[in-house]
Amino acid sequence: MKDIEQIIKEVTGTMAMEGMHLREEDKQRIRVCLSDQVTFDEMKKRIIQKHTVRI
């Protein structure tokens, strides 16, 4: 598998071409998932919970 930092550089470049820029927080999330600390599904759930408005 490619080095995690190389993958992040490639994702950063691809996102920038589309006018979207990754914050350091986003890059850290990618590192956590690629190092198998958390699954992508679990990280997605955390992000959704963080940004869900509770009434």
C-alpha atoms as a PDB file:
ATOM      1  CA  MET A   1       0.000   0.000   0.000  1.00  0.00           C
ATOM      2  CA  LYS A   2       1.117   3.535  -0.658  1.00  0.00           C
ATOM      3  CA  ASP A   3       2.478   5.643   2.146  1.00  0.00           C
ATOM      4  CA  ILE A   4      -0.326   7.389   4.030  1.00  0.00           C
ATOM      5  CA  GLU A   5       1.199  10.837   3.496  1.00  0.00           C
ATOM      6  CA  GLN A   6       1.454  10.191  -0.252  1.00  0.00           C
ATOM      7  CA  ILE A   7      -2.223   9.255  -0.371  1.00  0.00           C
ATOM      8  CA  ILE A   8      -3.104  12.440   1.516  1.00  0.00           C
ATOM      9  CA  LYS A   9      -1.058  14.518  -0.955  1.00  0.00           C
ATOM     10  CA  GLU A  10      -2.884  12.904  -3.867  1.00  0.00           C
ATOM     11  CA  VAL A  11      -6.299  13.455  -2.289  1.00  0.00           C
ATOM     12  CA  THR A  12      -5.362  17.059  -1.455  1.00  0.00           C
ATOM     13  CA  GLY A  13      -4.339  17.686  -5.070  1.00  0.00           C
ATOM     14  CA  THR A  14      -7.458  16.094  -6.507  1.00  0.00           C
ATOM     15  CA  MET A  15      -9.738  18.026  -4.170  1.00  0.00           C
ATOM     16  CA  ALA A  16      -7.917  21.295  -4.961  1.00  0.00           C
ATOM     17  CA  MET A  17      -8.510  20.757  -8.704  1.00  0.00           C
ATOM     18  CA  GLU A  18     -12.224  20.695  -7.883  1.00  0.00           C
ATOM     19  CA  GLY A  19     -11.967  23.879  -5.822  1.00  0.00           C
ATOM     20  CA  MET A  20     -12.283  22.085  -2.493  1.00  0.00           C
ATOM     21  CA  HIS A  21      -9.510  22.324   0.061  1.00  0.00           C
ATOM     22  CA  LEU A  22      -8.803  19.905   2.887  1.00  0.00           C
ATOM     23  CA  ARG A  23      -8.291  21.293   6.344  1.00  0.00           C
ATOM     24  CA  GLU A  24      -5.736  19.740   8.674  1.00  0.00           C
ATOM     25  CA  GLU A  25      -8.660  18.174  10.562  1.00  0.00           C
ATOM     26  CA  ASP A  26      -9.739  16.418   7.348  1.00  0.00           C
ATOM     27  CA  LYS A  27      -6.225  15.143   6.724  1.00  0.00           C
ATOM     28  CA  GLN A  28      -6.051  13.805  10.271  1.00  0.00           C
ATOM     29  CA  ARG A  29      -9.309  11.913   9.753  1.00  0.00           C
ATOM     30  CA  ILE A  30      -7.829  10.309   6.635  1.00  0.00           C
ATOM     31  CA  ARG A  31      -4.702   9.310   8.594  1.00  0.00           C
ATOM     32  CA  VAL A  32      -6.813   7.700  11.331  1.00  0.00           C
ATOM     33  CA  CYS A  33      -8.839   5.691   8.819  1.00  0.00           C
ATOM     34  CA  LEU A  34      -5.871   4.606   6.708  1.00  0.00           C
ATOM     35  CA  SER A  35      -3.970   3.453   9.790  1.00  0.00           C
ATOM     36  CA  ASP A  36      -6.952   1.207  10.695  1.00  0.00           C
ATOM     37  CA  GLN A  37      -7.622   2.976  13.977  1.00  0.00           C
ATOM     38  CA  VAL A  38     -11.227   3.595  12.876  1.00  0.00           C
ATOM     39  CA  THR A  39     -13.217   2.291   9.916  1.00  0.00           C
ATOM     40  CA  PHE A  40     -14.423   4.687   7.249  1.00  0.00           C
ATOM     41  CA  ASP A  41     -18.023   3.853   8.205  1.00  0.00           C
ATOM     42  CA  GLU A  42     -17.344   4.712  11.854  1.00  0.00           C
ATOM     43  CA  MET A  43     -15.627   7.981  10.880  1.00  0.00           C
ATOM     44  CA  LYS A  44     -18.567   8.865   8.619  1.00  0.00           C
ATOM     45  CA  LYS A  45     -20.949   8.213  11.523  1.00  0.00           C
ATOM     46  CA  ARG A  46     -18.885  10.484  13.792  1.00  0.00           C
ATOM     47  CA  ILE A  47     -18.879  13.307  11.248  1.00  0.00           C
ATOM     48  CA  ILE A  48     -22.646  13.026  10.715  1.00  0.00           C
ATOM     49  CA  GLN A  49     -23.252  13.078  14.480  1.00  0.00           C
ATOM     50  CA  LYS A  50     -20.983  16.114  14.862  1.00  0.00           C
ATOM     51  CA  HIS A  51     -22.894  18.089  12.247  1.00  0.00           C
ATOM     52  CA  THR A  52     -26.428  16.947  13.049  1.00  0.00           C
ATOM     53  CA  VAL A  53     -28.621  19.586  14.645  1.00  0.00           C
ATOM     54  CA  ARG A  54     -30.512  18.227  17.607  1.00  0.00           C
ATOM     55  CA  ILE A  55     -33.871  19.782  18.377  1.00  0.00           C
END
